[in-house]
Amino acid sequence: MNLQYEDVVPVSKDQALTAFESGNANRIAYALLGVAFHEPDWEWVEDQCLRYLESEESAVRNAAIACLGHLARIHKKINKAKVMSALRSHLNDEGYQGRVEDAIDDIEMFARQS
């Protein structure tokens, strides 16, 4: 397998909402990444990630999990109790444990309580 790094392109809230409404898993995942990295309203992004944490689409769920860790690393803030509880509820989801553990580690390392 040959993995290739791609820059995360900024996505506005309006662009993200359009992607979310599309129902297309790849568009939703890229939109989550774009807002997690570039949207200053981290609480809005957090809400979107928590919403998609329940997605049946693995690309979307993986992006939501990873983006919660990115939020902590980039913004140094997160609603820690709410997010940690949501992530911990997915620790036993087959195929997601490693990513959930990574996000929890990022939150513990980088985020202040908000």
PDB file of N, CA and C in Angstrom:
ATOM      1  N   MET A   1       0.848  -1.168   0.000  1.00  0.00           N
ATOM      2  CA  MET A   1       0.000   0.000   0.000  1.00  0.00           C
ATOM      3  C   MET A   1       0.896   1.234   0.000  1.00  0.00           C
ATOM      4  N   ASN A   2       0.566   2.188  -0.843  1.00  0.00           N
ATOM      5  CA  ASN A   2       1.334   3.418  -0.941  1.00  0.00           C
ATOM      6  C   ASN A   2       0.468   4.572  -0.447  1.00  0.00           C
ATOM      7  N   LEU A   3       0.760   5.040   0.753  1.00  0.00           N
ATOM      8  CA  LEU A   3       0.011   6.147   1.325  1.00  0.00           C
ATOM      9  C   LEU A   3       0.639   7.460   0.892  1.00  0.00           C
ATOM     10  N   GLN A   4      -0.206   8.434   0.606  1.00  0.00           N
ATOM     11  CA  GLN A   4       0.272   9.734   0.166  1.00  0.00           C
ATOM     12  C   GLN A   4      -0.312  10.806   1.062  1.00  0.00           C
ATOM     13  N   TYR A   5       0.539  11.680   1.567  1.00  0.00           N
ATOM     14  CA  TYR A   5       0.090  12.783   2.408  1.00  0.00           C
ATOM     15  C   TYR A   5      -0.603  13.824   1.551  1.00  0.00           C
ATOM     16  N   GLU A   6      -1.717  14.327   2.048  1.00  0.00           N
ATOM     17  CA  GLU A   6      -2.415  15.427   1.390  1.00  0.00           C
ATOM     18  C   GLU A   6      -2.572  16.554   2.393  1.00  0.00           C
ATOM     19  N   ASP A   7      -2.350  17.795   1.942  1.00  0.00           N
ATOM     20  CA  ASP A   7      -2.604  18.947   2.798  1.00  0.00           C
ATOM     21  C   ASP A   7      -4.087  19.003   3.118  1.00  0.00           C
ATOM     22  N   VAL A   8      -4.396  19.426   4.326  1.00  0.00           N
ATOM     23  CA  VAL A   8      -5.789  19.605   4.715  1.00  0.00           C
ATOM     24  C   VAL A   8      -6.207  21.004   4.284  1.00  0.00           C
ATOM     25  N   VAL A   9      -7.148  21.067   3.379  1.00  0.00           N
ATOM     26  CA  VAL A   9      -7.603  22.322   2.795  1.00  0.00           C
ATOM     27  C   VAL A   9      -8.639  22.961   3.718  1.00  0.00           C
ATOM     28  N   PRO A  10      -8.544  24.285   3.911  1.00  0.00           N
ATOM     29  CA  PRO A  10      -9.562  24.952   4.731  1.00  0.00           C
ATOM     30  C   PRO A  10     -10.961  24.764   4.143  1.00  0.00           C
ATOM     31  N   VAL A  11     -11.916  24.544   5.036  1.00  0.00           N
ATOM     32  CA  VAL A  11     -13.315  24.396   4.661  1.00  0.00           C
ATOM     33  C   VAL A  11     -14.114  25.335   5.557  1.00  0.00           C
ATOM     34  N   SER A  12     -14.967  26.168   4.952  1.00  0.00           N
ATOM     35  CA  SER A  12     -15.813  27.074   5.733  1.00  0.00           C
ATOM     36  C   SER A  12     -16.977  26.290   6.332  1.00  0.00           C
ATOM     37  N   LYS A  13     -17.653  26.905   7.286  1.00  0.00           N
ATOM     38  CA  LYS A  13     -18.840  26.254   7.865  1.00  0.00           C
ATOM     39  C   LYS A  13     -19.877  25.965   6.779  1.00  0.00           C
ATOM     40  N   ASP A  14     -20.116  26.936   5.895  1.00  0.00           N
ATOM     41  CA  ASP A  14     -21.108  26.737   4.835  1.00  0.00           C
ATOM     42  C   ASP A  14     -20.714  25.585   3.906  1.00  0.00           C
ATOM     43  N   GLN A  15     -19.428  25.520   3.551  1.00  0.00           N
ATOM     44  CA  GLN A  15     -18.962  24.423   2.707  1.00  0.00           C
ATOM     45  C   GLN A  15     -19.109  23.091   3.436  1.00  0.00           C
ATOM     46  N   ALA A  16     -18.813  23.085   4.728  1.00  0.00           N
ATOM     47  CA  ALA A  16     -18.945  21.863   5.512  1.00  0.00           C
ATOM     48  C   ALA A  16     -20.401  21.422   5.562  1.00  0.00           C
ATOM     49  N   LEU A  17     -21.303  22.356   5.806  1.00  0.00           N
ATOM     50  CA  LEU A  17     -22.722  22.004   5.879  1.00  0.00           C
ATOM     51  C   LEU A  17     -23.213  21.428   4.553  1.00  0.00           C
ATOM     52  N   THR A  18     -22.744  21.990   3.448  1.00  0.00           N
ATOM     53  CA  THR A  18     -23.099  21.453   2.134  1.00  0.00           C
ATOM     54  C   THR A  18     -22.575  20.029   1.984  1.00  0.00           C
ATOM     55  N   ALA A  19     -21.348  19.802   2.415  1.00  0.00           N
ATOM     56  CA  ALA A  19     -20.772  18.449   2.357  1.00  0.00           C
ATOM     57  C   ALA A  19     -21.558  17.498   3.245  1.00  0.00           C
ATOM     58  N   PHE A  20     -21.920  17.946   4.446  1.00  0.00           N
ATOM     59  CA  PHE A  20     -22.669  17.096   5.366  1.00  0.00           C
ATOM     60  C   PHE A  20     -24.024  16.712   4.767  1.00  0.00           C
ATOM     61  N   GLU A  21     -24.678  17.677   4.125  1.00  0.00           N
ATOM     62  CA  GLU A  21     -25.988  17.430   3.522  1.00  0.00           C
ATOM     63  C   GLU A  21     -25.903  16.499   2.313  1.00  0.00           C
ATOM     64  N   SER A  22     -24.719  16.409   1.712  1.00  0.00           N
ATOM     65  CA  SER A  22     -24.557  15.570   0.519  1.00  0.00           C
ATOM     66  C   SER A  22     -24.716  14.087   0.831  1.00  0.00           C
ATOM     67  N   GLY A  23     -24.411  13.703   2.072  1.00  0.00           N
ATOM     68  CA  GLY A  23     -24.474  12.296   2.430  1.00  0.00           C
ATOM     69  C   GLY A  23     -23.309  11.474   1.901  1.00  0.00           C
ATOM     70  N   ASN A  24     -22.385  12.119   1.185  1.00  0.00           N
ATOM     71  CA  ASN A  24     -21.231  11.424   0.612  1.00  0.00           C
ATOM     72  C   ASN A  24     -20.150  11.289   1.689  1.00  0.00           C
ATOM     73  N   ALA A  25     -19.800  10.050   2.016  1.00  0.00           N
ATOM     74  CA  ALA A  25     -18.873   9.782   3.123  1.00  0.00           C
ATOM     75  C   ALA A  25     -17.534  10.486   2.945  1.00  0.00           C
ATOM     76  N   ASN A  26     -16.974  10.444   1.747  1.00  0.00           N
ATOM     77  CA  ASN A  26     -15.669  11.083   1.524  1.00  0.00           C
ATOM     78  C   ASN A  26     -15.757  12.595   1.662  1.00  0.00           C
ATOM     79  N   ARG A  27     -16.813  13.187   1.135  1.00  0.00           N
ATOM     80  CA  ARG A  27     -16.985  14.648   1.266  1.00  0.00           C
ATOM     81  C   ARG A  27     -17.148  15.044   2.728  1.00  0.00           C
ATOM     82  N   ILE A  28     -17.904  14.258   3.476  1.00  0.00           N
ATOM     83  CA  ILE A  28     -18.107  14.543   4.899  1.00  0.00           C
ATOM     84  C   ILE A  28     -16.790  14.429   5.651  1.00  0.00           C
ATOM     85  N   ALA A  29     -16.030  13.364   5.393  1.00  0.00           N
ATOM     86  CA  ALA A  29     -14.750  13.159   6.078  1.00  0.00           C
ATOM     87  C   ALA A  29     -13.781  14.300   5.788  1.00  0.00           C
ATOM     88  N   TYR A  30     -13.661  14.696   4.508  1.00  0.00           N
ATOM     89  CA  TYR A  30     -12.769  15.800   4.155  1.00  0.00           C
ATOM     90  C   TYR A  30     -13.240  17.116   4.772  1.00  0.00           C
ATOM     91  N   ALA A  31     -14.557  17.319   4.824  1.00  0.00           N
ATOM     92  CA  ALA A  31     -15.086  18.543   5.434  1.00  0.00           C
ATOM     93  C   ALA A  31     -14.768  18.573   6.930  1.00  0.00           C
ATOM     94  N   LEU A  32     -14.921  17.441   7.608  1.00  0.00           N
ATOM     95  CA  LEU A  32     -14.578  17.387   9.035  1.00  0.00           C
ATOM     96  C   LEU A  32     -13.115  17.749   9.257  1.00  0.00           C
ATOM     97  N   LEU A  33     -12.247  17.184   8.444  1.00  0.00           N
ATOM     98  CA  LEU A  33     -10.821  17.499   8.566  1.00  0.00           C
ATOM     99  C   LEU A  33     -10.556  18.978   8.286  1.00  0.00           C
ATOM    100  N   GLY A  34     -11.183  19.511   7.246  1.00  0.00           N
ATOM    101  CA  GLY A  34     -10.966  20.915   6.877  1.00  0.00           C
ATOM    102  C   GLY A  34     -11.380  21.880   7.969  1.00  0.00           C
ATOM    103  N   VAL A  35     -12.515  21.609   8.625  1.00  0.00           N
ATOM    104  CA  VAL A  35     -12.934  22.509   9.697  1.00  0.00           C
ATOM    105  C   VAL A  35     -12.150  22.261  10.979  1.00  0.00           C
ATOM    106  N   ALA A  36     -11.774  21.017  11.236  1.00  0.00           N
ATOM    107  CA  ALA A  36     -10.990  20.726  12.449  1.00  0.00           C
ATOM    108  C   ALA A  36      -9.650  21.459  12.412  1.00  0.00           C
ATOM    109  N   PHE A  37      -9.030  21.503  11.257  1.00  0.00           N
ATOM    110  CA  PHE A  37      -7.723  22.144  11.130  1.00  0.00           C
ATOM    111  C   PHE A  37      -7.810  23.668  11.013  1.00  0.00           C
ATOM    112  N   HIS A  38      -8.907  24.188  10.466  1.00  0.00           N
ATOM    113  CA  HIS A  38      -8.902  25.600  10.084  1.00  0.00           C
ATOM    114  C   HIS A  38     -10.027  26.459  10.654  1.00  0.00           C
ATOM    115  N   GLU A  39     -11.086  25.878  11.168  1.00  0.00           N
ATOM    116  CA  GLU A  39     -12.217  26.674  11.664  1.00  0.00           C
ATOM    117  C   GLU A  39     -11.944  27.135  13.096  1.00  0.00           C
ATOM    118  N   PRO A  40     -11.974  28.455  13.346  1.00  0.00           N
ATOM    119  CA  PRO A  40     -11.698  28.941  14.699  1.00  0.00           C
ATOM    120  C   PRO A  40     -12.791  28.591  15.724  1.00  0.00           C
ATOM    121  N   ASP A  41     -14.013  28.326  15.264  1.00  0.00           N
ATOM    122  CA  ASP A  41     -15.108  27.981  16.178  1.00  0.00           C
ATOM    123  C   ASP A  41     -15.012  26.495  16.541  1.00  0.00           C
ATOM    124  N   TRP A  42     -14.055  26.204  17.431  1.00  0.00           N
ATOM    125  CA  TRP A  42     -13.770  24.811  17.768  1.00  0.00           C
ATOM    126  C   TRP A  42     -14.968  24.119  18.408  1.00  0.00           C
ATOM    127  N   GLU A  43     -15.820  24.852  19.102  1.00  0.00           N
ATOM    128  CA  GLU A  43     -16.989  24.218  19.728  1.00  0.00           C
ATOM    129  C   GLU A  43     -17.984  23.723  18.671  1.00  0.00           C
ATOM    130  N   TRP A  44     -18.150  24.491  17.603  1.00  0.00           N
ATOM    131  CA  TRP A  44     -19.006  24.051  16.503  1.00  0.00           C
ATOM    132  C   TRP A  44     -18.424  22.794  15.862  1.00  0.00           C
ATOM    133  N   VAL A  45     -17.123  22.807  15.640  1.00  0.00           N
ATOM    134  CA  VAL A  45     -16.457  21.649  15.040  1.00  0.00           C
ATOM    135  C   VAL A  45     -16.607  20.433  15.963  1.00  0.00           C
ATOM    136  N   GLU A  46     -16.409  20.646  17.241  1.00  0.00           N
ATOM    137  CA  GLU A  46     -16.563  19.561  18.210  1.00  0.00           C
ATOM    138  C   GLU A  46     -17.958  18.936  18.109  1.00  0.00           C
ATOM    139  N   ASP A  47     -18.986  19.786  18.033  1.00  0.00           N
ATOM    140  CA  ASP A  47     -20.356  19.278  17.908  1.00  0.00           C
ATOM    141  C   ASP A  47     -20.535  18.439  16.650  1.00  0.00           C
ATOM    142  N   GLN A  48     -19.941  18.887  15.542  1.00  0.00           N
ATOM    143  CA  GLN A  48     -20.048  18.119  14.298  1.00  0.00           C
ATOM    144  C   GLN A  48     -19.337  16.770  14.430  1.00  0.00           C
ATOM    145  N   CYS A  49     -18.171  16.787  15.046  1.00  0.00           N
ATOM    146  CA  CYS A  49     -17.416  15.539  15.230  1.00  0.00           C
ATOM    147  C   CYS A  49     -18.195  14.564  16.111  1.00  0.00           C
ATOM    148  N   LEU A  50     -18.772  15.066  17.178  1.00  0.00           N
ATOM    149  CA  LEU A  50     -19.552  14.194  18.065  1.00  0.00           C
ATOM    150  C   LEU A  50     -20.759  13.624  17.331  1.00  0.00           C
ATOM    151  N   ARG A  51     -21.366  14.420  16.484  1.00  0.00           N
ATOM    152  CA  ARG A  51     -22.495  13.947  15.673  1.00  0.00           C
ATOM    153  C   ARG A  51     -22.061  12.788  14.775  1.00  0.00           C
ATOM    154  N   TYR A  52     -20.927  12.947  14.115  1.00  0.00           N
ATOM    155  CA  TYR A  52     -20.466  11.932  13.166  1.00  0.00           C
ATOM    156  C   TYR A  52     -19.704  10.778  13.826  1.00  0.00           C
ATOM    157  N   LEU A  53     -19.493  10.866  15.103  1.00  0.00           N
ATOM    158  CA  LEU A  53     -18.896   9.762  15.851  1.00  0.00           C
ATOM    159  C   LEU A  53     -19.804   8.536  15.799  1.00  0.00           C
ATOM    160  N   GLU A  54     -21.071   8.759  15.521  1.00  0.00           N
ATOM    161  CA  GLU A  54     -22.053   7.674  15.463  1.00  0.00           C
ATOM    162  C   GLU A  54     -22.310   7.184  14.038  1.00  0.00           C
ATOM    163  N   SER A  55     -21.579   7.693  13.068  1.00  0.00           N
ATOM    164  CA  SER A  55     -21.806   7.326  11.671  1.00  0.00           C
ATOM    165  C   SER A  55     -21.558   5.838  11.426  1.00  0.00           C
ATOM    166  N   GLU A  56     -22.344   5.279  10.539  1.00  0.00           N
ATOM    167  CA  GLU A  56     -22.142   3.895  10.097  1.00  0.00           C
ATOM    168  C   GLU A  56     -21.028   3.800   9.057  1.00  0.00           C
ATOM    169  N   GLU A  57     -20.662   4.927   8.463  1.00  0.00           N
ATOM    170  CA  GLU A  57     -19.603   4.966   7.447  1.00  0.00           C
ATOM    171  C   GLU A  57     -18.248   5.029   8.142  1.00  0.00           C
ATOM    172  N   SER A  58     -17.388   4.050   7.897  1.00  0.00           N
ATOM    173  CA  SER A  58     -16.110   4.008   8.616  1.00  0.00           C
ATOM    174  C   SER A  58     -15.233   5.223   8.315  1.00  0.00           C
ATOM    175  N   ALA A  59     -15.243   5.723   7.075  1.00  0.00           N
ATOM    176  CA  ALA A  59     -14.427   6.902   6.745  1.00  0.00           C
ATOM    177  C   ALA A  59     -14.868   8.109   7.553  1.00  0.00           C
ATOM    178  N   VAL A  60     -16.169   8.248   7.727  1.00  0.00           N
ATOM    179  CA  VAL A  60     -16.710   9.379   8.473  1.00  0.00           C
ATOM    180  C   VAL A  60     -16.421   9.218   9.957  1.00  0.00           C
ATOM    181  N   ARG A  61     -16.658   8.028  10.494  1.00  0.00           N
ATOM    182  CA  ARG A  61     -16.412   7.805  11.917  1.00  0.00           C
ATOM    183  C   ARG A  61     -14.930   7.969  12.238  1.00  0.00           C
ATOM    184  N   ASN A  62     -14.057   7.415  11.391  1.00  0.00           N
ATOM    185  CA  ASN A  62     -12.620   7.576  11.605  1.00  0.00           C
ATOM    186  C   ASN A  62     -12.211   9.042  11.576  1.00  0.00           C
ATOM    187  N   ALA A  63     -12.757   9.803  10.640  1.00  0.00           N
ATOM    188  CA  ALA A  63     -12.439  11.232  10.558  1.00  0.00           C
ATOM    189  C   ALA A  63     -12.923  11.959  11.808  1.00  0.00           C
ATOM    190  N   ALA A  64     -14.122  11.652  12.260  1.00  0.00           N
ATOM    191  CA  ALA A  64     -14.665  12.307  13.453  1.00  0.00           C
ATOM    192  C   ALA A  64     -13.801  12.030  14.674  1.00  0.00           C
ATOM    193  N   ILE A  65     -13.386  10.793  14.828  1.00  0.00           N
ATOM    194  CA  ILE A  65     -12.527  10.418  15.962  1.00  0.00           C
ATOM    195  C   ILE A  65     -11.203  11.175  15.888  1.00  0.00           C
ATOM    196  N   ALA A  66     -10.562  11.105  14.730  1.00  0.00           N
ATOM    197  CA  ALA A  66      -9.265  11.764  14.559  1.00  0.00           C
ATOM    198  C   ALA A  66      -9.383  13.270  14.765  1.00  0.00           C
ATOM    199  N   CYS A  67     -10.463  13.866  14.268  1.00  0.00           N
ATOM    200  CA  CYS A  67     -10.633  15.312  14.368  1.00  0.00           C
ATOM    201  C   CYS A  67     -10.813  15.778  15.806  1.00  0.00           C
ATOM    202  N   LEU A  68     -11.375  14.950  16.663  1.00  0.00           N
ATOM    203  CA  LEU A  68     -11.465  15.321  18.077  1.00  0.00           C
ATOM    204  C   LEU A  68     -10.068  15.442  18.680  1.00  0.00           C
ATOM    205  N   GLY A  69      -9.181  14.539  18.315  1.00  0.00           N
ATOM    206  CA  GLY A  69      -7.786  14.653  18.747  1.00  0.00           C
ATOM    207  C   GLY A  69      -7.106  15.867  18.138  1.00  0.00           C
ATOM    208  N   HIS A  70      -7.383  16.135  16.855  1.00  0.00           N
ATOM    209  CA  HIS A  70      -6.808  17.313  16.194  1.00  0.00           C
ATOM    210  C   HIS A  70      -7.265  18.601  16.872  1.00  0.00           C
ATOM    211  N   LEU A  71      -8.545  18.666  17.242  1.00  0.00           N
ATOM    212  CA  LEU A  71      -9.052  19.860  17.927  1.00  0.00           C
ATOM    213  C   LEU A  71      -8.267  20.135  19.199  1.00  0.00           C
ATOM    214  N   ALA A  72      -8.032  19.091  19.964  1.00  0.00           N
ATOM    215  CA  ALA A  72      -7.280  19.253  21.214  1.00  0.00           C
ATOM    216  C   ALA A  72      -5.863  19.738  20.930  1.00  0.00           C
ATOM    217  N   ARG A  73      -5.233  19.155  19.928  1.00  0.00           N
ATOM    218  CA  ARG A  73      -3.850  19.504  19.597  1.00  0.00           C
ATOM    219  C   ARG A  73      -3.745  20.915  19.027  1.00  0.00           C
ATOM    220  N   ILE A  74      -4.668  21.290  18.157  1.00  0.00           N
ATOM    221  CA  ILE A  74      -4.596  22.576  17.465  1.00  0.00           C
ATOM    222  C   ILE A  74      -5.100  23.718  18.340  1.00  0.00           C
ATOM    223  N   HIS A  75      -6.253  23.531  18.974  1.00  0.00           N
ATOM    224  CA  HIS A  75      -6.888  24.620  19.721  1.00  0.00           C
ATOM    225  C   HIS A  75      -6.562  24.607  21.208  1.00  0.00           C
ATOM    226  N   LYS A  76      -6.026  23.501  21.691  1.00  0.00           N
ATOM    227  CA  LYS A  76      -5.678  23.352  23.114  1.00  0.00           C
ATOM    228  C   LYS A  76      -6.908  23.440  24.023  1.00  0.00           C
ATOM    229  N   LYS A  77      -8.093  23.302  23.433  1.00  0.00           N
ATOM    230  CA  LYS A  77      -9.339  23.363  24.192  1.00  0.00           C
ATOM    231  C   LYS A  77     -10.276  22.279  23.681  1.00  0.00           C
ATOM    232  N   ILE A  78     -11.125  21.808  24.590  1.00  0.00           N
ATOM    233  CA  ILE A  78     -12.164  20.854  24.218  1.00  0.00           C
ATOM    234  C   ILE A  78     -13.086  20.719  25.422  1.00  0.00           C
ATOM    235  N   ASN A  79     -14.327  20.373  25.180  1.00  0.00           N
ATOM    236  CA  ASN A  79     -15.237  20.071  26.286  1.00  0.00           C
ATOM    237  C   ASN A  79     -14.892  18.659  26.753  1.00  0.00           C
ATOM    238  N   LYS A  80     -13.895  18.614  27.611  1.00  0.00           N
ATOM    239  CA  LYS A  80     -13.217  17.364  27.938  1.00  0.00           C
ATOM    240  C   LYS A  80     -14.145  16.273  28.462  1.00  0.00           C
ATOM    241  N   ALA A  81     -14.984  16.581  29.424  1.00  0.00           N
ATOM    242  CA  ALA A  81     -15.846  15.547  30.011  1.00  0.00           C
ATOM    243  C   ALA A  81     -16.779  14.957  28.955  1.00  0.00           C
ATOM    244  N   LYS A  82     -17.397  15.824  28.162  1.00  0.00           N
ATOM    245  CA  LYS A  82     -18.342  15.363  27.143  1.00  0.00           C
ATOM    246  C   LYS A  82     -17.639  14.535  26.058  1.00  0.00           C
ATOM    247  N   VAL A  83     -16.516  15.040  25.578  1.00  0.00           N
ATOM    248  CA  VAL A  83     -15.806  14.361  24.491  1.00  0.00           C
ATOM    249  C   VAL A  83     -15.190  13.046  24.969  1.00  0.00           C
ATOM    250  N   MET A  84     -14.581  13.068  26.139  1.00  0.00           N
ATOM    251  CA  MET A  84     -13.953  11.839  26.647  1.00  0.00           C
ATOM    252  C   MET A  84     -15.006  10.756  26.883  1.00  0.00           C
ATOM    253  N   SER A  85     -16.151  11.137  27.404  1.00  0.00           N
ATOM    254  CA  SER A  85     -17.230  10.179  27.618  1.00  0.00           C
ATOM    255  C   SER A  85     -17.682   9.574  26.285  1.00  0.00           C
ATOM    256  N   ALA A  86     -17.853  10.428  25.279  1.00  0.00           N
ATOM    257  CA  ALA A  86     -18.279   9.952  23.959  1.00  0.00           C
ATOM    258  C   ALA A  86     -17.236   9.016  23.350  1.00  0.00           C
ATOM    259  N   LEU A  87     -15.968   9.395  23.439  1.00  0.00           N
ATOM    260  CA  LEU A  87     -14.905   8.542  22.882  1.00  0.00           C
ATOM    261  C   LEU A  87     -14.807   7.216  23.630  1.00  0.00           C
ATOM    262  N   ARG A  88     -14.856   7.275  24.943  1.00  0.00           N
ATOM    263  CA  ARG A  88     -14.745   6.035  25.731  1.00  0.00           C
ATOM    264  C   ARG A  88     -15.873   5.061  25.420  1.00  0.00           C
ATOM    265  N   SER A  89     -17.032   5.589  25.049  1.00  0.00           N
ATOM    266  CA  SER A  89     -18.150   4.697  24.711  1.00  0.00           C
ATOM    267  C   SER A  89     -17.879   3.921  23.424  1.00  0.00           C
ATOM    268  N   HIS A  90     -16.844   4.314  22.685  1.00  0.00           N
ATOM    269  CA  HIS A  90     -16.490   3.634  21.437  1.00  0.00           C
ATOM    270  C   HIS A  90     -15.178   2.850  21.534  1.00  0.00           C
ATOM    271  N   LEU A  91     -14.643   2.727  22.731  1.00  0.00           N
ATOM    272  CA  LEU A  91     -13.366   2.010  22.893  1.00  0.00           C
ATOM    273  C   LEU A  91     -13.443   0.544  22.474  1.00  0.00           C
ATOM    274  N   ASN A  92     -14.603  -0.052  22.537  1.00  0.00           N
ATOM    275  CA  ASN A  92     -14.736  -1.467  22.190  1.00  0.00           C
ATOM    276  C   ASN A  92     -15.327  -1.687  20.808  1.00  0.00           C
ATOM    277  N   ASP A  93     -15.491  -0.609  20.037  1.00  0.00           N
ATOM    278  CA  ASP A  93     -16.008  -0.749  18.676  1.00  0.00           C
ATOM    279  C   ASP A  93     -14.924  -1.377  17.801  1.00  0.00           C
ATOM    280  N   GLU A  94     -15.247  -2.510  17.215  1.00  0.00           N
ATOM    281  CA  GLU A  94     -14.271  -3.236  16.409  1.00  0.00           C
ATOM    282  C   GLU A  94     -13.762  -2.377  15.257  1.00  0.00           C
ATOM    283  N   GLY A  95     -12.443  -2.299  15.152  1.00  0.00           N
ATOM    284  CA  GLY A  95     -11.811  -1.552  14.079  1.00  0.00           C
ATOM    285  C   GLY A  95     -11.534  -0.087  14.400  1.00  0.00           C
ATOM    286  N   TYR A  96     -11.996   0.392  15.548  1.00  0.00           N
ATOM    287  CA  TYR A  96     -11.834   1.800  15.887  1.00  0.00           C
ATOM    288  C   TYR A  96     -11.000   2.022  17.150  1.00  0.00           C
ATOM    289  N   GLN A  97     -10.670   0.954  17.865  1.00  0.00           N
ATOM    290  CA  GLN A  97     -10.027   1.091  19.175  1.00  0.00           C
ATOM    291  C   GLN A  97      -8.749   1.914  19.118  1.00  0.00           C
ATOM    292  N   GLY A  98      -7.878   1.633  18.189  1.00  0.00           N
ATOM    293  CA  GLY A  98      -6.595   2.335  18.105  1.00  0.00           C
ATOM    294  C   GLY A  98      -6.765   3.822  17.868  1.00  0.00           C
ATOM    295  N   ARG A  99      -7.657   4.169  16.956  1.00  0.00           N
ATOM    296  CA  ARG A  99      -7.886   5.584  16.658  1.00  0.00           C
ATOM    297  C   ARG A  99      -8.516   6.290  17.860  1.00  0.00           C
ATOM    298  N   VAL A 100      -9.443   5.600  18.548  1.00  0.00           N
ATOM    299  CA  VAL A 100     -10.065   6.183  19.741  1.00  0.00           C
ATOM    300  C   VAL A 100      -9.005   6.399  20.820  1.00  0.00           C
ATOM    301  N   GLU A 101      -8.147   5.419  21.031  1.00  0.00           N
ATOM    302  CA  GLU A 101      -7.071   5.561  22.023  1.00  0.00           C
ATOM    303  C   GLU A 101      -6.147   6.718  21.672  1.00  0.00           C
ATOM    304  N   ASP A 102      -5.823   6.870  20.387  1.00  0.00           N
ATOM    305  CA  ASP A 102      -4.969   7.986  19.952  1.00  0.00           C
ATOM    306  C   ASP A 102      -5.629   9.336  20.239  1.00  0.00           C
ATOM    307  N   ALA A 103      -6.930   9.438  19.950  1.00  0.00           N
ATOM    308  CA  ALA A 103      -7.641  10.696  20.198  1.00  0.00           C
ATOM    309  C   ALA A 103      -7.674  11.007  21.692  1.00  0.00           C
ATOM    310  N   ILE A 104      -7.919   9.993  22.506  1.00  0.00           N
ATOM    311  CA  ILE A 104      -7.929  10.184  23.966  1.00  0.00           C
ATOM    312  C   ILE A 104      -6.559  10.655  24.441  1.00  0.00           C
ATOM    313  N   ASP A 105      -5.504  10.041  23.923  1.00  0.00           N
ATOM    314  CA  ASP A 105      -4.142  10.450  24.291  1.00  0.00           C
ATOM    315  C   ASP A 105      -3.884  11.910  23.904  1.00  0.00           C
ATOM    316  N   ASP A 106      -4.302  12.301  22.696  1.00  0.00           N
ATOM    317  CA  ASP A 106      -4.113  13.692  22.260  1.00  0.00           C
ATOM    318  C   ASP A 106      -4.865  14.660  23.171  1.00  0.00           C
ATOM    319  N   ILE A 107      -6.071  14.305  23.543  1.00  0.00           N
ATOM    320  CA  ILE A 107      -6.870  15.170  24.400  1.00  0.00           C
ATOM    321  C   ILE A 107      -6.207  15.297  25.771  1.00  0.00           C
ATOM    322  N   GLU A 108      -5.760  14.180  26.317  1.00  0.00           N
ATOM    323  CA  GLU A 108      -5.091  14.209  27.621  1.00  0.00           C
ATOM    324  C   GLU A 108      -3.815  15.045  27.570  1.00  0.00           C
ATOM    325  N   MET A 109      -3.103  14.965  26.453  1.00  0.00           N
ATOM    326  CA  MET A 109      -1.823  15.649  26.337  1.00  0.00           C
ATOM    327  C   MET A 109      -1.961  17.143  26.046  1.00  0.00           C
ATOM    328  N   PHE A 110      -2.909  17.515  25.211  1.00  0.00           N
ATOM    329  CA  PHE A 110      -2.936  18.881  24.682  1.00  0.00           C
ATOM    330  C   PHE A 110      -4.057  19.774  25.193  1.00  0.00           C
ATOM    331  N   ALA A 111      -5.174  19.214  25.603  1.00  0.00           N
ATOM    332  CA  ALA A 111      -6.353  20.054  25.867  1.00  0.00           C
ATOM    333  C   ALA A 111      -6.471  20.493  27.302  1.00  0.00           C
ATOM    334  N   ARG A 112      -6.807  21.756  27.438  1.00  0.00           N
ATOM    335  CA  ARG A 112      -7.208  22.285  28.748  1.00  0.00           C
ATOM    336  C   ARG A 112      -8.698  22.007  28.882  1.00  0.00           C
ATOM    337  N   GLN A 113      -9.161  21.957  30.090  1.00  0.00           N
ATOM    338  CA  GLN A 113     -10.589  21.766  30.345  1.00  0.00           C
ATOM    339  C   GLN A 113     -11.364  22.989  29.883  1.00  0.00           C
ATOM    340  N   SER A 114     -12.429  22.783  29.155  1.00  0.00           N
ATOM    341  CA  SER A 114     -13.301  23.883  28.725  1.00  0.00           C
ATOM    342  C   SER A 114     -14.728  23.542  29.003  1.00  0.00           C
TER     343      SER A 114
END
